[in-house]
Full PDB file with SEQRES, HELIX, SHEET, SSBOND, CRYST1, ORIGX, SCALE, CONECT and MASTER records, all heavy atoms in Angstrom:
SEQRES   1 A   43  TYR ILE SER ASP THR GLY THR ILE ALA PRO GLU LYS CYS          
SEQRES   2 A   43  LEU PHE GLY ALA MET LEU ASN PHE SER ALA VAL LEU CYS          
SEQRES   3 A   43  ILE ALA THR ILE TYR VAL ARG TYR LYS GLN VAL HIS ALA          
SEQRES   4 A   43  LEU ASN PRO GLU                                              
HELIX    1 AA1 SER A    3  GLY A    6  5                                   4    
HELIX    2 AA2 GLU A   11  LEU A   40  1                                  30    
CRYST1    1.000    1.000    1.000  90.00  90.00  90.00 P 1           1          
ORIGX1      1.000000  0.000000  0.000000        0.00000                         
ORIGX2      0.000000  1.000000  0.000000        0.00000                         
ORIGX3      0.000000  0.000000  1.000000        0.00000                         
SCALE1      1.000000  0.000000  0.000000        0.00000                         
SCALE2      0.000000  1.000000  0.000000        0.00000                         
SCALE3      0.000000  0.000000  1.000000        0.00000                         
ATOM      1  N   TYR A   1       5.794 -40.230 -14.410  1.00  0.00           N  
ATOM      2  CA  TYR A   1       5.581 -38.804 -14.107  1.00  0.00           C  
ATOM      3  C   TYR A   1       4.162 -38.414 -14.527  1.00  0.00           C  
ATOM      4  O   TYR A   1       3.629 -38.934 -15.488  1.00  0.00           O  
ATOM      5  CB  TYR A   1       6.594 -37.938 -14.863  1.00  0.00           C  
ATOM      6  CG  TYR A   1       8.000 -37.978 -14.309  1.00  0.00           C  
ATOM      7  CD1 TYR A   1       9.017 -38.630 -14.989  1.00  0.00           C  
ATOM      8  CD2 TYR A   1       8.300 -37.336 -13.122  1.00  0.00           C  
ATOM      9  CE1 TYR A   1      10.302 -38.663 -14.493  1.00  0.00           C  
ATOM     10  CE2 TYR A   1       9.592 -37.347 -12.609  1.00  0.00           C  
ATOM     11  CZ  TYR A   1      10.580 -38.025 -13.312  1.00  0.00           C  
ATOM     12  OH  TYR A   1      11.864 -38.056 -12.805  1.00  0.00           O  
ATOM     13  N   ILE A   2       3.587 -37.477 -13.792  1.00  0.00           N  
ATOM     14  CA  ILE A   2       2.236 -37.024 -14.146  1.00  0.00           C  
ATOM     15  C   ILE A   2       2.217 -36.493 -15.559  1.00  0.00           C  
ATOM     16  O   ILE A   2       1.302 -36.787 -16.340  1.00  0.00           O  
ATOM     17  CB  ILE A   2       1.743 -35.980 -13.148  1.00  0.00           C  
ATOM     18  CG1 ILE A   2       1.623 -36.573 -11.746  1.00  0.00           C  
ATOM     19  CG2 ILE A   2       0.410 -35.373 -13.579  1.00  0.00           C  
ATOM     20  CD1 ILE A   2       1.268 -35.569 -10.663  1.00  0.00           C  
ATOM     21  N   SER A   3       3.208 -35.687 -15.907  1.00  0.00           N  
ATOM     22  CA  SER A   3       3.228 -35.096 -17.245  1.00  0.00           C  
ATOM     23  C   SER A   3       3.523 -36.115 -18.341  1.00  0.00           C  
ATOM     24  O   SER A   3       3.174 -35.887 -19.503  1.00  0.00           O  
ATOM     25  CB  SER A   3       4.268 -33.968 -17.305  1.00  0.00           C  
ATOM     26  OG  SER A   3       5.525 -34.416 -16.884  1.00  0.00           O  
ATOM     27  N   ASP A   4       4.153 -37.252 -17.981  1.00  0.00           N  
ATOM     28  CA  ASP A   4       4.395 -38.296 -18.975  1.00  0.00           C  
ATOM     29  C   ASP A   4       3.092 -38.897 -19.478  1.00  0.00           C  
ATOM     30  O   ASP A   4       3.027 -39.376 -20.615  1.00  0.00           O  
ATOM     31  CB  ASP A   4       5.265 -39.417 -18.371  1.00  0.00           C  
ATOM     32  CG  ASP A   4       6.738 -39.024 -18.308  1.00  0.00           C  
ATOM     33  OD1 ASP A   4       7.063 -37.912 -18.777  1.00  0.00           O  
ATOM     34  OD2 ASP A   4       7.538 -39.806 -17.772  1.00  0.00           O  
ATOM     35  N   THR A   5       2.059 -38.889 -18.644  1.00  0.00           N  
ATOM     36  CA  THR A   5       0.763 -39.418 -19.065  1.00  0.00           C  
ATOM     37  C   THR A   5       0.030 -38.481 -20.013  1.00  0.00           C  
ATOM     38  O   THR A   5      -1.042 -38.826 -20.502  1.00  0.00           O  
ATOM     39  CB  THR A   5      -0.124 -39.709 -17.842  1.00  0.00           C  
ATOM     40  OG1 THR A   5      -0.421 -38.465 -17.164  1.00  0.00           O  
ATOM     41  CG2 THR A   5       0.569 -40.633 -16.883  1.00  0.00           C  
ATOM     42  N   GLY A   6       0.599 -37.283 -20.236  1.00  0.00           N  
ATOM     43  CA  GLY A   6      -0.013 -36.339 -21.172  1.00  0.00           C  
ATOM     44  C   GLY A   6       0.978 -35.892 -22.214  1.00  0.00           C  
ATOM     45  O   GLY A   6       0.960 -34.718 -22.647  1.00  0.00           O  
ATOM     46  N   THR A   7       1.870 -36.783 -22.629  1.00  0.00           N  
ATOM     47  CA  THR A   7       2.934 -36.424 -23.581  1.00  0.00           C  
ATOM     48  C   THR A   7       2.615 -36.800 -25.010  1.00  0.00           C  
ATOM     49  O   THR A   7       2.953 -36.083 -25.958  1.00  0.00           O  
ATOM     50  CB  THR A   7       4.260 -37.098 -23.148  1.00  0.00           C  
ATOM     51  OG1 THR A   7       4.621 -36.602 -21.848  1.00  0.00           O  
ATOM     52  CG2 THR A   7       5.369 -36.788 -24.120  1.00  0.00           C  
ATOM     53  N   ILE A   8       1.944 -37.943 -25.206  1.00  0.00           N  
ATOM     54  CA  ILE A   8       1.687 -38.469 -26.557  1.00  0.00           C  
ATOM     55  C   ILE A   8       0.192 -38.396 -26.835  1.00  0.00           C  
ATOM     56  O   ILE A   8      -0.631 -38.599 -25.933  1.00  0.00           O  
ATOM     57  CB  ILE A   8       2.196 -39.918 -26.665  1.00  0.00           C  
ATOM     58  CG1 ILE A   8       3.700 -39.983 -26.325  1.00  0.00           C  
ATOM     59  CG2 ILE A   8       1.952 -40.486 -28.070  1.00  0.00           C  
ATOM     60  CD1 ILE A   8       4.254 -41.399 -26.325  1.00  0.00           C  
ATOM     61  N   ALA A   9      -0.167 -38.119 -28.074  1.00  0.00           N  
ATOM     62  CA  ALA A   9      -1.573 -38.126 -28.477  1.00  0.00           C  
ATOM     63  C   ALA A   9      -2.110 -39.556 -28.400  1.00  0.00           C  
ATOM     64  O   ALA A   9      -1.368 -40.512 -28.657  1.00  0.00           O  
ATOM     65  CB  ALA A   9      -1.714 -37.580 -29.892  1.00  0.00           C  
ATOM     66  N   PRO A  10      -3.377 -39.760 -28.050  1.00  0.00           N  
ATOM     67  CA  PRO A  10      -4.423 -38.729 -27.848  1.00  0.00           C  
ATOM     68  C   PRO A  10      -4.522 -38.209 -26.398  1.00  0.00           C  
ATOM     69  O   PRO A  10      -5.229 -37.234 -26.155  1.00  0.00           O  
ATOM     70  CB  PRO A  10      -5.701 -39.480 -28.188  1.00  0.00           C  
ATOM     71  CG  PRO A  10      -5.431 -40.886 -27.766  1.00  0.00           C  
ATOM     72  CD  PRO A  10      -3.959 -41.120 -28.029  1.00  0.00           C  
ATOM     73  N   GLU A  11      -3.796 -38.841 -25.451  1.00  0.00           N  
ATOM     74  CA  GLU A  11      -3.991 -38.436 -24.065  1.00  0.00           C  
ATOM     75  C   GLU A  11      -3.475 -37.023 -23.789  1.00  0.00           C  
ATOM     76  O   GLU A  11      -3.975 -36.334 -22.889  1.00  0.00           O  
ATOM     77  CB  GLU A  11      -3.318 -39.423 -23.107  1.00  0.00           C  
ATOM     78  CG  GLU A  11      -1.827 -39.550 -23.274  1.00  0.00           C  
ATOM     79  CD  GLU A  11      -1.452 -40.697 -24.185  1.00  0.00           C  
ATOM     80  OE1 GLU A  11      -2.310 -41.144 -24.977  1.00  0.00           O  
ATOM     81  OE2 GLU A  11      -0.307 -41.137 -24.138  1.00  0.00           O  
ATOM     82  N   LYS A  12      -2.525 -36.537 -24.612  1.00  0.00           N  
ATOM     83  CA  LYS A  12      -2.019 -35.185 -24.380  1.00  0.00           C  
ATOM     84  C   LYS A  12      -3.085 -34.141 -24.660  1.00  0.00           C  
ATOM     85  O   LYS A  12      -3.087 -33.055 -24.053  1.00  0.00           O  
ATOM     86  CB  LYS A  12      -0.770 -34.931 -25.196  1.00  0.00           C  
ATOM     87  CG  LYS A  12      -0.988 -34.703 -26.685  1.00  0.00           C  
ATOM     88  CD  LYS A  12       0.315 -34.305 -27.368  1.00  0.00           C  
ATOM     89  CE  LYS A  12       0.118 -34.003 -28.824  1.00  0.00           C  
ATOM     90  NZ  LYS A  12       1.396 -33.591 -29.489  1.00  0.00           N  
ATOM     91  N   CYS A  13      -3.994 -34.460 -25.600  1.00  0.00           N  
ATOM     92  CA  CYS A  13      -5.107 -33.534 -25.890  1.00  0.00           C  
ATOM     93  C   CYS A  13      -6.039 -33.440 -24.695  1.00  0.00           C  
ATOM     94  O   CYS A  13      -6.467 -32.342 -24.295  1.00  0.00           O  
ATOM     95  CB  CYS A  13      -5.850 -33.992 -27.121  1.00  0.00           C  
ATOM     96  SG  CYS A  13      -4.814 -34.227 -28.587  1.00  0.00           S  
ATOM     97  N   LEU A  14      -6.380 -34.594 -24.129  1.00  0.00           N  
ATOM     98  CA  LEU A  14      -7.252 -34.644 -22.963  1.00  0.00           C  
ATOM     99  C   LEU A  14      -6.567 -33.985 -21.764  1.00  0.00           C  
ATOM    100  O   LEU A  14      -7.185 -33.181 -21.035  1.00  0.00           O  
ATOM    101  CB  LEU A  14      -7.589 -36.107 -22.634  1.00  0.00           C  
ATOM    102  CG  LEU A  14      -8.473 -36.361 -21.411  1.00  0.00           C  
ATOM    103  CD1 LEU A  14      -9.875 -35.825 -21.655  1.00  0.00           C  
ATOM    104  CD2 LEU A  14      -8.549 -37.859 -21.114  1.00  0.00           C  
ATOM    105  N   PHE A  15      -5.292 -34.289 -21.565  1.00  0.00           N  
ATOM    106  CA  PHE A  15      -4.523 -33.746 -20.457  1.00  0.00           C  
ATOM    107  C   PHE A  15      -4.471 -32.212 -20.529  1.00  0.00           C  
ATOM    108  O   PHE A  15      -4.725 -31.527 -19.541  1.00  0.00           O  
ATOM    109  CB  PHE A  15      -3.125 -34.342 -20.492  1.00  0.00           C  
ATOM    110  CG  PHE A  15      -2.236 -33.968 -19.336  1.00  0.00           C  
ATOM    111  CD1 PHE A  15      -2.373 -34.616 -18.119  1.00  0.00           C  
ATOM    112  CD2 PHE A  15      -1.259 -32.996 -19.482  1.00  0.00           C  
ATOM    113  CE1 PHE A  15      -1.544 -34.310 -17.061  1.00  0.00           C  
ATOM    114  CE2 PHE A  15      -0.424 -32.678 -18.415  1.00  0.00           C  
ATOM    115  CZ  PHE A  15      -0.561 -33.324 -17.199  1.00  0.00           C  
ATOM    116  N   GLY A  16      -4.158 -31.693 -21.721  1.00  0.00           N  
ATOM    117  CA  GLY A  16      -4.049 -30.262 -21.882  1.00  0.00           C  
ATOM    118  C   GLY A  16      -5.348 -29.521 -21.698  1.00  0.00           C  
ATOM    119  O   GLY A  16      -5.427 -28.506 -20.993  1.00  0.00           O  
ATOM    120  N   ALA A  17      -6.416 -30.057 -22.316  1.00  0.00           N  
ATOM    121  CA  ALA A  17      -7.729 -29.388 -22.220  1.00  0.00           C  
ATOM    122  C   ALA A  17      -8.251 -29.362 -20.780  1.00  0.00           C  
ATOM    123  O   ALA A  17      -8.743 -28.343 -20.307  1.00  0.00           O  
ATOM    124  CB  ALA A  17      -8.714 -30.111 -23.141  1.00  0.00           C  
ATOM    125  N   MET A  18      -8.119 -30.490 -20.096  1.00  0.00           N  
ATOM    126  CA  MET A  18      -8.654 -30.562 -18.730  1.00  0.00           C  
ATOM    127  C   MET A  18      -7.837 -29.719 -17.749  1.00  0.00           C  
ATOM    128  O   MET A  18      -8.370 -29.056 -16.878  1.00  0.00           O  
ATOM    129  CB  MET A  18      -8.716 -32.012 -18.256  1.00  0.00           C  
ATOM    130  CG  MET A  18      -9.729 -32.849 -19.031  1.00  0.00           C  
ATOM    131  SD  MET A  18      -9.982 -34.510 -18.327  1.00  0.00           S  
ATOM    132  CE  MET A  18     -10.916 -34.110 -16.841  1.00  0.00           C  
ATOM    133  N   LEU A  19      -6.504 -29.710 -17.935  1.00  0.00           N  
ATOM    134  CA  LEU A  19      -5.679 -28.916 -17.025  1.00  0.00           C  
ATOM    135  C   LEU A  19      -5.828 -27.426 -17.269  1.00  0.00           C  
ATOM    136  O   LEU A  19      -5.679 -26.619 -16.336  1.00  0.00           O  
ATOM    137  CB  LEU A  19      -4.209 -29.331 -17.149  1.00  0.00           C  
ATOM    138  CG  LEU A  19      -3.755 -30.545 -16.366  1.00  0.00           C  
ATOM    139  CD1 LEU A  19      -2.240 -30.622 -16.308  1.00  0.00           C  
ATOM    140  CD2 LEU A  19      -4.311 -30.564 -14.949  1.00  0.00           C  
ATOM    141  N   ASN A  20      -6.115 -27.035 -18.498  1.00  0.00           N  
ATOM    142  CA  ASN A  20      -6.397 -25.619 -18.741  1.00  0.00           C  
ATOM    143  C   ASN A  20      -7.624 -25.156 -17.963  1.00  0.00           C  
ATOM    144  O   ASN A  20      -7.636 -24.060 -17.391  1.00  0.00           O  
ATOM    145  CB  ASN A  20      -6.605 -25.370 -20.246  1.00  0.00           C  
ATOM    146  CG  ASN A  20      -5.298 -25.279 -21.009  1.00  0.00           C  
ATOM    147  OD1 ASN A  20      -4.299 -24.812 -20.484  1.00  0.00           O  
ATOM    148  ND2 ASN A  20      -5.299 -25.747 -22.254  1.00  0.00           N  
ATOM    149  N   PHE A  21      -8.653 -25.996 -17.928  1.00  0.00           N  
ATOM    150  CA  PHE A  21      -9.835 -25.648 -17.174  1.00  0.00           C  
ATOM    151  C   PHE A  21      -9.531 -25.699 -15.676  1.00  0.00           C  
ATOM    152  O   PHE A  21     -10.084 -24.905 -14.896  1.00  0.00           O  
ATOM    153  CB  PHE A  21     -10.987 -26.614 -17.511  1.00  0.00           C  
ATOM    154  CG  PHE A  21     -12.294 -26.212 -16.905  1.00  0.00           C  
ATOM    155  CD1 PHE A  21     -12.916 -25.012 -17.259  1.00  0.00           C  
ATOM    156  CD2 PHE A  21     -12.912 -27.022 -15.974  1.00  0.00           C  
ATOM    157  CE1 PHE A  21     -14.129 -24.635 -16.705  1.00  0.00           C  
ATOM    158  CE2 PHE A  21     -14.140 -26.661 -15.406  1.00  0.00           C  
ATOM    159  CZ  PHE A  21     -14.733 -25.461 -15.771  1.00  0.00           C  
ATOM    160  N   SER A  22      -8.652 -26.623 -15.263  1.00  0.00           N  
ATOM    161  CA  SER A  22      -8.240 -26.663 -13.853  1.00  0.00           C  
ATOM    162  C   SER A  22      -7.548 -25.352 -13.469  1.00  0.00           C  
ATOM    163  O   SER A  22      -7.734 -24.857 -12.349  1.00  0.00           O  
ATOM    164  CB  SER A  22      -7.256 -27.833 -13.629  1.00  0.00           C  
ATOM    165  OG  SER A  22      -7.891 -29.069 -13.781  1.00  0.00           O  
ATOM    166  N   ALA A  23      -6.752 -24.793 -14.384  1.00  0.00           N  
ATOM    167  CA  ALA A  23      -6.098 -23.529 -14.099  1.00  0.00           C  
ATOM    168  C   ALA A  23      -7.117 -22.406 -13.880  1.00  0.00           C  
ATOM    169  O   ALA A  23      -6.941 -21.555 -13.008  1.00  0.00           O  
ATOM    170  CB  ALA A  23      -5.144 -23.155 -15.246  1.00  0.00           C  
ATOM    171  N   VAL A  24      -8.195 -22.430 -14.676  1.00  0.00           N  
ATOM    172  CA  VAL A  24      -9.253 -21.425 -14.516  1.00  0.00           C  
ATOM    173  C   VAL A  24      -9.934 -21.591 -13.163  1.00  0.00           C  
ATOM    174  O   VAL A  24     -10.185 -20.618 -12.423  1.00  0.00           O  
ATOM    175  CB  VAL A  24     -10.281 -21.532 -15.646  1.00  0.00           C  
ATOM    176  CG1 VAL A  24     -11.472 -20.615 -15.421  1.00  0.00           C  
ATOM    177  CG2 VAL A  24      -9.621 -21.215 -17.000  1.00  0.00           C  
ATOM    178  N   LEU A  25     -10.258 -22.829 -12.806  1.00  0.00           N  
ATOM    179  CA  LEU A  25     -10.884 -23.091 -11.490  1.00  0.00           C  
ATOM    180  C   LEU A  25      -9.949 -22.687 -10.349  1.00  0.00           C  
ATOM    181  O   LEU A  25     -10.398 -22.161  -9.325  1.00  0.00           O  
ATOM    182  CB  LEU A  25     -11.239 -24.578 -11.359  1.00  0.00           C  
ATOM    183  CG  LEU A  25     -12.375 -25.092 -12.211  1.00  0.00           C  
ATOM    184  CD1 LEU A  25     -12.497 -26.618 -12.091  1.00  0.00           C  
ATOM    185  CD2 LEU A  25     -13.703 -24.441 -11.788  1.00  0.00           C  
ATOM    186  N   CYS A  26      -8.669 -22.908 -10.537  1.00  0.00           N  
ATOM    187  CA  CYS A  26      -7.679 -22.559  -9.502  1.00  0.00           C  
ATOM    188  C   CYS A  26      -7.594 -21.048  -9.343  1.00  0.00           C  
ATOM    189  O   CYS A  26      -7.520 -20.533  -8.215  1.00  0.00           O  
ATOM    190  CB  CYS A  26      -6.315 -23.131  -9.870  1.00  0.00           C  
ATOM    191  SG  CYS A  26      -5.136 -23.110  -8.525  1.00  0.00           S  
ATOM    192  N   ILE A  27      -7.630 -20.305 -10.444  1.00  0.00           N  
ATOM    193  CA  ILE A  27      -7.610 -18.842 -10.378  1.00  0.00           C  
ATOM    194  C   ILE A  27      -8.826 -18.339  -9.603  1.00  0.00           C  
ATOM    195  O   ILE A  27      -8.716 -17.474  -8.746  1.00  0.00           O  
ATOM    196  CB  ILE A  27      -7.569 -18.242 -11.797  1.00  0.00           C  
ATOM    197  CG1 ILE A  27      -6.217 -18.509 -12.454  1.00  0.00           C  
ATOM    198  CG2 ILE A  27      -7.857 -16.753 -11.760  1.00  0.00           C  
ATOM    199  CD1 ILE A  27      -6.148 -18.107 -13.914  1.00  0.00           C  
ATOM    200  N   ALA A  28      -9.991 -18.893  -9.928  1.00  0.00           N  
ATOM    201  CA  ALA A  28     -11.211 -18.487  -9.243  1.00  0.00           C  
ATOM    202  C   ALA A  28     -11.143 -18.787  -7.755  1.00  0.00           C  
ATOM    203  O   ALA A  28     -11.529 -17.967  -6.909  1.00  0.00           O  
ATOM    204  CB  ALA A  28     -12.422 -19.192  -9.863  1.00  0.00           C  
ATOM    205  N   THR A  29     -10.646 -19.975  -7.404  1.00  0.00           N  
ATOM    206  CA  THR A  29     -10.538 -20.375  -5.997  1.00  0.00           C  
ATOM    207  C   THR A  29      -9.582 -19.455  -5.232  1.00  0.00           C  
ATOM    208  O   THR A  29      -9.884 -19.002  -4.113  1.00  0.00           O  
ATOM    209  CB  THR A  29     -10.067 -21.824  -5.886  1.00  0.00           C  
ATOM    210  OG1 THR A  29     -10.988 -22.689  -6.579  1.00  0.00           O  
ATOM    211  CG2 THR A  29      -9.968 -22.269  -4.444  1.00  0.00           C  
ATOM    212  N   ILE A  30      -8.436 -19.187  -5.824  1.00  0.00           N  
ATOM    213  CA  ILE A  30      -7.441 -18.341  -5.167  1.00  0.00           C  
ATOM    214  C   ILE A  30      -7.973 -16.901  -5.013  1.00  0.00           C  
ATOM    215  O   ILE A  30      -7.727 -16.246  -3.976  1.00  0.00           O  
ATOM    216  CB  ILE A  30      -6.130 -18.363  -5.982  1.00  0.00           C  
ATOM    217  CG1 ILE A  30      -5.461 -19.728  -5.818  1.00  0.00           C  
ATOM    218  CG2 ILE A  30      -5.188 -17.228  -5.570  1.00  0.00           C  
ATOM    219  CD1 ILE A  30      -4.310 -19.970  -6.766  1.00  0.00           C  
ATOM    220  N   TYR A  31      -8.689 -16.408  -6.007  1.00  0.00           N  
ATOM    221  CA  TYR A  31      -9.238 -15.069  -5.916  1.00  0.00           C  
ATOM    222  C   TYR A  31     -10.308 -14.967  -4.810  1.00  0.00           C  
ATOM    223  O   TYR A  31     -10.329 -13.989  -4.055  1.00  0.00           O  
ATOM    224  CB  TYR A  31      -9.827 -14.627  -7.251  1.00  0.00           C  
ATOM    225  CG  TYR A  31     -10.454 -13.262  -7.223  1.00  0.00           C  
ATOM    226  CD1 TYR A  31      -9.649 -12.122  -7.178  1.00  0.00           C  
ATOM    227  CD2 TYR A  31     -11.842 -13.108  -7.231  1.00  0.00           C  
ATOM    228  CE1 TYR A  31     -10.220 -10.849  -7.136  1.00  0.00           C  
ATOM    229  CE2 TYR A  31     -12.406 -11.834  -7.198  1.00  0.00           C  
ATOM    230  CZ  TYR A  31     -11.587 -10.713  -7.137  1.00  0.00           C  
ATOM    231  OH  TYR A  31     -12.159  -9.458  -7.088  1.00  0.00           O  
ATOM    232  N   VAL A  32     -11.180 -15.951  -4.742  1.00  0.00           N  
ATOM    233  CA  VAL A  32     -12.211 -15.944  -3.699  1.00  0.00           C  
ATOM    234  C   VAL A  32     -11.573 -15.997  -2.322  1.00  0.00           C  
ATOM    235  O   VAL A  32     -11.995 -15.291  -1.407  1.00  0.00           O  
ATOM    236  CB  VAL A  32     -13.192 -17.126  -3.896  1.00  0.00           C  
ATOM    237  CG1 VAL A  32     -14.134 -17.263  -2.704  1.00  0.00           C  
ATOM    238  CG2 VAL A  32     -14.004 -16.926  -5.173  1.00  0.00           C  
ATOM    239  N   ARG A  33     -10.540 -16.813  -2.166  1.00  0.00           N  
ATOM    240  CA  ARG A  33      -9.839 -16.885  -0.890  1.00  0.00           C  
ATOM    241  C   ARG A  33      -9.226 -15.534  -0.544  1.00  0.00           C  
ATOM    242  O   ARG A  33      -9.283 -15.077   0.608  1.00  0.00           O  
ATOM    243  CB  ARG A  33      -8.749 -17.956  -0.950  1.00  0.00           C  
ATOM    244  CG  ARG A  33      -7.873 -18.037   0.288  1.00  0.00           C  
ATOM    245  CD  ARG A  33      -8.673 -18.406   1.532  1.00  0.00           C  
ATOM    246  NE  ARG A  33      -7.832 -18.508   2.704  1.00  0.00           N  
ATOM    247  CZ  ARG A  33      -8.287 -18.696   3.916  1.00  0.00           C  
ATOM    248  NH1 ARG A  33      -9.576 -18.825   4.143  1.00  0.00           N  
ATOM    249  NH2 ARG A  33      -7.443 -18.771   4.950  1.00  0.00           N  
ATOM    250  N   TYR A  34      -8.646 -14.862  -1.541  1.00  0.00           N  
ATOM    251  CA  TYR A  34      -8.069 -13.532  -1.320  1.00  0.00           C  
ATOM    252  C   TYR A  34      -9.137 -12.549  -0.849  1.00  0.00           C  
ATOM    253  O   TYR A  34      -8.918 -11.803   0.122  1.00  0.00           O  
ATOM    254  CB  TYR A  34      -7.411 -13.046  -2.618  1.00  0.00           C  
ATOM    255  CG  TYR A  34      -7.113 -11.573  -2.620  1.00  0.00           C  
ATOM    256  CD1 TYR A  34      -6.027 -11.045  -1.919  1.00  0.00           C  
ATOM    257  CD2 TYR A  34      -7.939 -10.679  -3.325  1.00  0.00           C  
ATOM    258  CE1 TYR A  34      -5.759  -9.687  -1.929  1.00  0.00           C  
ATOM    259  CE2 TYR A  34      -7.689  -9.326  -3.337  1.00  0.00           C  
ATOM    260  CZ  TYR A  34      -6.579  -8.830  -2.642  1.00  0.00           C  
ATOM    261  OH  TYR A  34      -6.341  -7.479  -2.641  1.00  0.00           O  
ATOM    262  N   LYS A  35     -10.283 -12.539  -1.521  1.00  0.00           N  
ATOM    263  CA  LYS A  35     -11.370 -11.612  -1.143  1.00  0.00           C  
ATOM    264  C   LYS A  35     -11.915 -11.934   0.242  1.00  0.00           C  
ATOM    265  O   LYS A  35     -12.269 -11.029   1.006  1.00  0.00           O  
ATOM    266  CB  LYS A  35     -12.483 -11.666  -2.181  1.00  0.00           C  
ATOM    267  CG  LYS A  35     -12.088 -11.187  -3.568  1.00  0.00           C  
ATOM    268  CD  LYS A  35     -11.761  -9.714  -3.585  1.00  0.00           C  
ATOM    269  CE  LYS A  35     -12.958  -8.842  -3.388  1.00  0.00           C  
ATOM    270  NZ  LYS A  35     -12.645  -7.389  -3.484  1.00  0.00           N  
ATOM    271  N   GLN A  36     -11.969 -13.211   0.584  1.00  0.00           N  
ATOM    272  CA  GLN A  36     -12.500 -13.593   1.898  1.00  0.00           C  
ATOM    273  C   GLN A  36     -11.572 -13.124   3.014  1.00  0.00           C  
ATOM    274  O   GLN A  36     -12.030 -12.561   4.013  1.00  0.00           O  
ATOM    275  CB  GLN A  36     -12.680 -15.091   1.958  1.00  0.00           C  
ATOM    276  CG  GLN A  36     -13.331 -15.596   3.242  1.00  0.00           C  
ATOM    277  CD  GLN A  36     -13.521 -17.092   3.271  1.00  0.00           C  
ATOM    278  OE1 GLN A  36     -12.617 -17.834   2.918  1.00  0.00           O  
ATOM    279  NE2 GLN A  36     -14.703 -17.546   3.662  1.00  0.00           N  
ATOM    280  N   VAL A  37     -10.286 -13.382   2.879  1.00  0.00           N  
ATOM    281  CA  VAL A  37      -9.332 -12.974   3.905  1.00  0.00           C  
ATOM    282  C   VAL A  37      -9.313 -11.453   4.023  1.00  0.00           C  
ATOM    283  O   VAL A  37      -9.263 -10.891   5.128  1.00  0.00           O  
ATOM    284  CB  VAL A  37      -7.933 -13.502   3.574  1.00  0.00           C  
ATOM    285  CG1 VAL A  37      -6.889 -12.931   4.535  1.00  0.00           C  
ATOM    286  CG2 VAL A  37      -7.909 -15.019   3.634  1.00  0.00           C  
ATOM    287  N   HIS A  38      -9.411 -10.768   2.881  1.00  0.00           N  
ATOM    288  CA  HIS A  38      -9.413  -9.306   2.900  1.00  0.00           C  
ATOM    289  C   HIS A  38     -10.667  -8.768   3.614  1.00  0.00           C  
ATOM    290  O   HIS A  38     -10.585  -7.805   4.398  1.00  0.00           O  
ATOM    291  CB  HIS A  38      -9.378  -8.771   1.486  1.00  0.00           C  
ATOM    292  CG  HIS A  38      -9.453  -7.271   1.394  1.00  0.00           C  
ATOM    293  ND1 HIS A  38      -8.407  -6.456   1.764  1.00  0.00           N  
ATOM    294  CD2 HIS A  38     -10.455  -6.439   1.006  1.00  0.00           C  
ATOM    295  CE1 HIS A  38      -8.759  -5.190   1.589  1.00  0.00           C  
ATOM    296  NE2 HIS A  38      -9.994  -5.159   1.148  1.00  0.00           N  
ATOM    297  N   ALA A  39     -11.800  -9.394   3.378  1.00  0.00           N  
ATOM    298  CA  ALA A  39     -13.046  -8.938   4.013  1.00  0.00           C  
ATOM    299  C   ALA A  39     -13.058  -9.212   5.511  1.00  0.00           C  
ATOM    300  O   ALA A  39     -13.621  -8.428   6.294  1.00  0.00           O  
ATOM    301  CB  ALA A  39     -14.248  -9.609   3.351  1.00  0.00           C  
ATOM    302  N   LEU A  40     -12.441 -10.318   5.914  1.00  0.00           N  
ATOM    303  CA  LEU A  40     -12.415 -10.660   7.341  1.00  0.00           C  
ATOM    304  C   LEU A  40     -11.389  -9.846   8.112  1.00  0.00           C  
ATOM    305  O   LEU A  40     -11.490  -9.720   9.338  1.00  0.00           O  
ATOM    306  CB  LEU A  40     -12.088 -12.165   7.480  1.00  0.00           C  
ATOM    307  CG  LEU A  40     -13.190 -13.125   7.034  1.00  0.00           C  
ATOM    308  CD1 LEU A  40     -12.660 -14.557   7.039  1.00  0.00           C  
ATOM    309  CD2 LEU A  40     -14.427 -13.028   7.934  1.00  0.00           C  
ATOM    310  N   ASN A  41     -10.384  -9.302   7.429  1.00  0.00           N  
ATOM    311  CA  ASN A  41      -9.317  -8.545   8.100  1.00  0.00           C  
ATOM    312  C   ASN A  41      -9.083  -7.222   7.352  1.00  0.00           C  
ATOM    313  O   ASN A  41      -8.022  -7.020   6.759  1.00  0.00           O  
ATOM    314  CB  ASN A  41      -8.021  -9.346   8.152  1.00  0.00           C  
ATOM    315  CG  ASN A  41      -8.195 -10.689   8.839  1.00  0.00           C  
ATOM    316  OD1 ASN A  41      -8.077 -10.792  10.047  1.00  0.00           O  
ATOM    317  ND2 ASN A  41      -8.487 -11.717   8.042  1.00  0.00           N  
ATOM    318  N   PRO A  42     -10.061  -6.328   7.347  1.00  0.00           N  
ATOM    319  CA  PRO A  42      -9.907  -5.103   6.542  1.00  0.00           C  
ATOM    320  C   PRO A  42      -8.843  -4.153   7.058  1.00  0.00           C  
ATOM    321  O   PRO A  42      -8.333  -3.336   6.282  1.00  0.00           O  
ATOM    322  CB  PRO A  42     -11.312  -4.462   6.647  1.00  0.00           C  
ATOM    323  CG  PRO A  42     -11.873  -4.978   7.927  1.00  0.00           C  
ATOM    324  CD  PRO A  42     -11.339  -6.380   8.062  1.00  0.00           C  
ATOM    325  N   GLU A  43      -8.480  -4.232   8.332  1.00  0.00           N  
ATOM    326  CA  GLU A  43      -7.525  -3.285   8.923  1.00  0.00           C  
ATOM    327  C   GLU A  43      -6.216  -3.929   9.330  1.00  0.00           C  
ATOM    328  O   GLU A  43      -5.343  -3.268   9.905  1.00  0.00           O  
ATOM    329  CB  GLU A  43      -8.162  -2.597  10.131  1.00  0.00           C  
ATOM    330  CG  GLU A  43      -9.406  -1.796   9.795  1.00  0.00           C  
ATOM    331  CD  GLU A  43     -10.007  -1.155  11.017  1.00  0.00           C  
ATOM    332  OE1 GLU A  43      -9.471  -1.390  12.124  1.00  0.00           O  
ATOM    333  OE2 GLU A  43     -11.000  -0.401  10.876  1.00  0.00           O  
TER     334      GLU A  43                                                      
MASTER        0    0    0    2    0    0    0    6  333    1    0    4          
END                                                                             
């Protein structure tokens, strides 16, 4: 399982830190997509 590779130290520290930043990048990507669709279809 993907999460099994981040269950035991030390890999869980790497897994957690990197995925937290992935969540930030994902939020930014989703927000930009939302703004783009909104700007292209205002009405």
